[in-house]
Amino acid sequence: MPYKDILVFLDATSDTPARLDLAVSLAQEHGARLLGVDVSTPAAFEGRWKDQATGLQDLFHARRNSAHVAGEFWAADRSAGSWKALYAHFADLVIATQRHETNLEAVLPAVPQDVLLSAGVPLIVLPPDWQPQPVGRNIVLAWNASREATRATHDALPLLSRAERVTLFEFAPPADQMESAPGLMADHLRQHGIEAELFTWPDTGENSLLDALFSCLDRQGADLIVAGAYGHSPLFERLFGGVSQDLLHNVSMPVLMSH
């Protein structure tokens, strides 16, 4: 099933134009409607962000019109702290940027983590200062047979089906191969017309899962990670560390995550 509604979060920071460019290009590729949602805080309409904040609607429609993409512009309820005010549950795919110290004041706090955890919609999360480039041509799918990884795989099918190369990455395969069964997932993807190359990294204790994953990304020349998010609770990951937190704050690579 293709993406028919792609939602992009808009704010007054310098990351918005590149994020909007990606959203426009994906909407063109998928024949989707583009939904632009202003997630600026009240503080963004004061001081150094004011001009950018007040110009978001014009920027959105200018980029959308020049690409001949259908779309709608909405503004989030700035007084509501909930992800429910951000319209994410009306989309097939959401595009956001990592939360970082330079955008905390300007962007509503539900972006992106609360949306990822609660909206039931896959997110493409971009690193700060990301520059426009193709995304989804060469995808690495982080696979571990969890509910979250399974959800992310199926949420990413419209992208996987258009990719030139898909790598199914597995770290530390268990003794019981039926537990993760990457070959069976590769066969399932094949039913969707997707040929996936298997990349297995045994856990010898010398590398963390994240180090192994990024080594795979480098070797494969990937431009997108697909991964499940938060098999443990966010509090657990903050206290004890976790791959989801690390991926959500990685500084080099777009990642599609589902929970």
Protein backbone atom coordinates (compact mmCIF):
# COMPACT_ATOMS: atom_id res chain seq x y z
CA MET A 1 0.00 0.00 0.00
CA PRO A 2 1.63 3.29 -1.03
CA TYR A 3 1.94 6.40 1.09
CA LYS A 4 -0.96 8.69 0.22
CA ASP A 5 -0.53 11.35 2.93
CA ILE A 6 2.99 12.47 3.89
CA LEU A 7 3.24 14.93 6.77
CA VAL A 8 6.20 17.22 7.40
CA PHE A 9 6.74 19.23 10.55
CA LEU A 10 7.60 22.88 9.89
CA ASP A 11 9.29 25.27 12.29
CA ALA A 12 11.33 28.45 12.37
CA THR A 13 14.74 26.77 12.52
CA SER A 14 17.26 26.48 9.69
CA ASP A 15 16.53 22.74 9.34
CA THR A 16 13.05 23.29 7.87
CA PRO A 17 13.92 24.00 4.19
CA ALA A 18 15.90 20.76 3.76
CA ARG A 19 13.22 18.77 5.59
CA LEU A 20 10.56 20.29 3.37
CA ASP A 21 12.59 19.51 0.23
CA LEU A 22 12.71 15.83 1.22
CA ALA A 23 8.99 15.78 1.97
CA VAL A 24 8.19 17.36 -1.41
CA SER A 25 10.38 14.88 -3.29
CA LEU A 26 8.81 11.90 -1.49
CA ALA A 27 5.32 13.23 -2.17
CA GLN A 28 6.21 13.48 -5.86
CA GLU A 29 7.62 9.93 -5.96
CA HIS A 30 4.62 8.40 -4.19
CA GLY A 31 1.89 10.52 -5.72
CA ALA A 32 0.98 11.58 -2.19
CA ARG A 33 -0.71 14.59 -0.70
CA LEU A 34 1.69 16.71 1.35
CA LEU A 35 0.58 17.92 4.77
CA GLY A 36 2.62 20.72 6.33
CA VAL A 37 2.15 21.21 10.07
CA ASP A 38 3.56 24.27 11.83
CA VAL A 39 4.94 23.05 15.17
CA SER A 40 6.47 26.35 16.26
CA THR A 41 6.22 27.40 19.90
CA PRO A 42 4.85 30.82 20.89
CA ALA A 43 8.46 31.86 21.58
CA ALA A 44 9.32 31.26 17.91
CA PHE A 45 7.20 34.28 16.95
CA GLU A 46 9.45 36.58 18.93
CA GLY A 47 13.04 37.64 18.51
CA ARG A 48 15.39 35.97 16.04
CA TRP A 49 12.92 33.37 14.75
CA LYS A 50 10.01 35.72 14.06
CA ASP A 51 10.46 36.21 10.30
CA GLN A 52 10.90 32.49 9.64
CA ALA A 53 7.96 31.55 11.88
CA THR A 54 5.54 33.95 10.22
CA GLY A 55 6.70 32.88 6.74
CA LEU A 56 6.20 29.10 7.10
CA GLN A 57 2.87 28.92 5.31
CA ASP A 58 4.18 30.88 2.32
CA LEU A 59 7.34 28.74 2.21
CA PHE A 60 5.31 25.53 2.29
CA HIS A 61 2.93 26.54 -0.48
CA ALA A 62 5.72 27.97 -2.66
CA ARG A 63 7.70 24.69 -2.53
CA ARG A 64 4.58 22.58 -2.96
CA ASN A 65 3.25 24.59 -5.90
CA SER A 66 6.57 24.61 -7.73
CA ALA A 67 6.65 20.80 -7.49
CA HIS A 68 2.98 20.46 -8.51
CA VAL A 69 2.15 18.53 -5.34
CA ALA A 70 -1.28 18.65 -3.71
CA GLY A 71 -1.24 19.64 -0.09
CA GLU A 72 -2.64 21.27 3.03
CA PHE A 73 -1.09 23.56 5.63
CA TRP A 74 -2.14 23.26 9.26
CA ALA A 75 -0.92 24.92 12.47
CA ALA A 76 -0.67 22.89 15.65
CA ASP A 77 -2.43 24.09 18.78
CA ARG A 78 0.48 25.81 20.52
CA SER A 79 -1.23 25.68 23.91
CA ALA A 80 -1.67 21.90 23.86
CA GLY A 81 1.35 19.91 24.93
CA SER A 82 0.11 16.66 23.43
CA TRP A 83 1.18 14.93 20.22
CA LYS A 84 -2.55 14.72 19.41
CA ALA A 85 -2.52 18.40 18.40
CA LEU A 86 0.06 17.72 15.66
CA TYR A 87 -2.19 15.87 13.15
CA ALA A 88 0.24 12.93 12.86
CA HIS A 89 -2.53 10.34 13.16
CA PHE A 90 -3.90 11.50 9.80
CA ALA A 91 -0.74 10.61 7.84
CA ASP A 92 0.99 7.50 6.48
CA LEU A 93 4.50 8.89 7.05
CA VAL A 94 5.86 11.79 9.11
CA ILE A 95 9.12 13.67 8.54
CA ALA A 96 10.85 15.41 11.45
CA THR A 97 14.28 16.54 12.62
CA GLN A 98 16.08 15.41 15.76
CA ARG A 99 15.53 17.47 18.86
CA HIS A 100 18.73 19.30 19.73
CA GLU A 101 19.91 22.26 21.78
CA THR A 102 19.52 24.82 18.98
CA ASN A 103 15.80 24.14 18.40
CA LEU A 104 14.41 23.45 21.87
CA GLU A 105 12.81 26.86 22.31
CA ALA A 106 11.36 27.02 18.81
CA VAL A 107 9.77 23.56 18.40
CA LEU A 108 6.89 22.07 20.37
CA PRO A 109 8.21 19.44 22.81
CA ALA A 110 6.15 16.53 21.44
CA VAL A 111 8.39 16.51 18.33
CA PRO A 112 9.66 13.95 17.54
CA GLN A 113 9.72 11.44 20.40
CA ASP A 114 6.12 11.69 21.66
CA VAL A 115 4.84 11.42 18.09
CA LEU A 116 7.00 8.35 17.50
CA LEU A 117 5.82 6.66 20.69
CA SER A 118 2.13 7.48 20.50
CA ALA A 119 0.87 8.30 17.01
CA GLY A 120 1.22 4.84 15.47
CA VAL A 121 2.83 6.35 12.37
CA PRO A 122 6.37 5.80 11.02
CA LEU A 123 8.74 8.75 11.28
CA ILE A 124 11.71 9.67 9.14
CA VAL A 125 13.96 11.57 11.53
CA LEU A 126 16.71 13.71 10.01
CA PRO A 127 19.93 14.81 11.70
CA PRO A 128 20.38 18.52 12.44
CA ASP A 129 21.98 20.49 9.61
CA TRP A 130 21.11 17.71 7.16
CA GLN A 131 21.58 18.75 3.53
CA PRO A 132 19.13 17.67 0.80
CA GLN A 133 20.16 14.44 -0.92
CA PRO A 134 18.43 11.27 -2.11
CA VAL A 135 16.91 9.17 0.68
CA GLY A 136 15.72 5.61 0.23
CA ARG A 137 17.84 4.55 -2.72
CA ASN A 138 20.04 2.34 -0.53
CA ILE A 139 18.36 1.15 2.66
CA VAL A 140 19.68 -0.85 5.60
CA LEU A 141 16.93 -2.60 7.55
CA ALA A 142 17.90 -3.39 11.15
CA TRP A 143 16.23 -6.74 11.84
CA ASN A 144 15.81 -8.62 15.12
CA ALA A 145 12.33 -10.22 14.86
CA SER A 146 10.88 -7.90 17.51
CA ARG A 147 7.40 -6.44 17.22
CA GLU A 148 8.93 -3.02 16.63
CA ALA A 149 11.28 -4.21 13.85
CA THR A 150 8.40 -6.06 12.19
CA ARG A 151 6.23 -2.93 12.35
CA ALA A 152 9.02 -0.77 10.91
CA THR A 153 9.63 -3.22 8.06
CA HIS A 154 6.01 -3.18 6.98
CA ASP A 155 5.68 0.58 7.46
CA ALA A 156 8.68 1.05 5.17
CA LEU A 157 7.45 -1.21 2.35
CA PRO A 158 6.60 1.70 0.01
CA LEU A 159 10.21 2.90 0.35
CA LEU A 160 11.77 -0.56 0.27
CA SER A 161 9.91 -1.40 -2.93
CA ARG A 162 11.46 1.62 -4.67
CA ALA A 163 14.99 1.17 -3.32
CA GLU A 164 17.86 0.24 -5.60
CA ARG A 165 19.49 -1.78 -2.81
CA VAL A 166 18.13 -3.23 0.45
CA THR A 167 20.34 -4.79 3.12
CA LEU A 168 18.83 -6.87 5.92
CA PHE A 169 21.18 -6.34 8.87
CA GLU A 170 21.20 -8.75 11.81
CA PHE A 171 23.40 -8.47 14.89
CA ALA A 172 24.23 -11.39 17.21
CA PRO A 173 21.99 -14.10 15.71
CA PRO A 174 20.77 -16.46 18.45
CA ALA A 175 21.49 -20.18 18.51
CA ASP A 176 17.89 -20.82 17.52
CA GLN A 177 17.79 -19.34 14.02
CA MET A 178 13.99 -19.43 14.00
CA GLU A 179 14.07 -16.68 16.64
CA SER A 180 15.09 -14.03 14.11
CA ALA A 181 15.07 -15.98 10.83
CA PRO A 182 16.47 -13.26 8.56
CA GLY A 183 16.21 -15.61 5.61
CA LEU A 184 12.46 -15.91 6.16
CA MET A 185 12.12 -12.13 6.32
CA ALA A 186 14.14 -11.85 3.09
CA ASP A 187 11.75 -14.37 1.53
CA HIS A 188 8.76 -12.36 2.78
CA LEU A 189 10.21 -9.19 1.23
CA ARG A 190 10.70 -11.10 -2.00
CA GLN A 191 6.94 -11.65 -2.12
CA HIS A 192 6.68 -7.87 -2.29
CA GLY A 193 9.18 -7.73 -5.15
CA ILE A 194 12.03 -6.64 -2.87
CA GLU A 195 15.39 -8.42 -3.08
CA ALA A 196 17.31 -8.01 0.18
CA GLU A 197 20.96 -8.84 0.79
CA LEU A 198 21.66 -10.46 4.17
CA PHE A 199 24.37 -8.89 6.35
CA THR A 200 25.05 -10.80 9.58
CA TRP A 201 27.37 -9.40 12.26
CA PRO A 202 28.13 -11.95 15.02
CA ASP A 203 28.36 -10.50 18.52
CA THR A 204 31.90 -11.24 19.69
CA GLY A 205 31.83 -8.61 22.41
CA GLU A 206 34.21 -6.36 20.49
CA ASN A 207 31.53 -4.08 19.02
CA SER A 208 28.20 -2.71 20.18
CA LEU A 209 25.11 -3.20 18.07
CA LEU A 210 25.19 0.46 17.06
CA ASP A 211 28.87 0.32 16.06
CA ALA A 212 28.18 -2.77 13.97
CA LEU A 213 25.14 -1.14 12.35
CA PHE A 214 27.04 2.00 11.38
CA SER A 215 29.89 -0.11 10.05
CA CYS A 216 27.33 -1.88 7.86
CA LEU A 217 25.94 1.48 6.72
CA ASP A 218 29.41 2.63 5.70
CA ARG A 219 30.19 -0.60 3.85
CA GLN A 220 26.87 -0.56 2.00
CA GLY A 221 26.90 3.16 1.24
CA ALA A 222 23.40 3.44 2.73
CA ASP A 223 21.29 6.61 2.83
CA LEU A 224 18.52 5.42 5.20
CA ILE A 225 18.16 3.18 8.25
CA VAL A 226 14.87 1.40 8.93
CA ALA A 227 14.53 0.31 12.56
CA GLY A 228 12.00 -0.49 15.22
CA ALA A 229 11.88 1.90 18.16
CA TYR A 230 11.71 1.45 21.91
CA GLY A 231 11.41 -2.24 22.64
CA HIS A 232 12.17 -1.02 26.18
CA SER A 233 10.48 2.03 27.67
CA PRO A 234 12.02 5.47 26.97
CA LEU A 235 12.76 5.80 30.70
CA PHE A 236 14.65 2.50 30.68
CA GLU A 237 16.66 3.66 27.67
CA ARG A 238 17.47 7.03 29.25
CA LEU A 239 18.66 5.32 32.43
CA PHE A 240 20.53 2.38 30.95
CA GLY A 241 21.15 3.37 27.35
CA GLY A 242 19.54 1.97 24.26
CA VAL A 243 19.75 1.79 20.51
CA SER A 244 16.51 3.73 19.95
CA GLN A 245 17.79 6.73 21.89
CA ASP A 246 21.09 6.58 20.05
CA LEU A 247 19.42 6.33 16.63
CA LEU A 248 17.04 9.16 17.45
CA HIS A 249 20.05 11.37 18.15
CA ASN A 250 22.52 10.11 15.54
CA VAL A 251 24.30 12.90 13.70
CA SER A 252 24.88 11.45 10.27
CA MET A 253 22.01 9.44 8.83
CA PRO A 254 18.24 9.70 8.28
CA VAL A 255 16.36 6.94 10.06
CA LEU A 256 12.81 5.63 9.62
CA MET A 257 11.53 4.42 12.96
CA SER A 258 8.27 2.79 14.06
CA HIS A 259 7.01 1.84 17.50
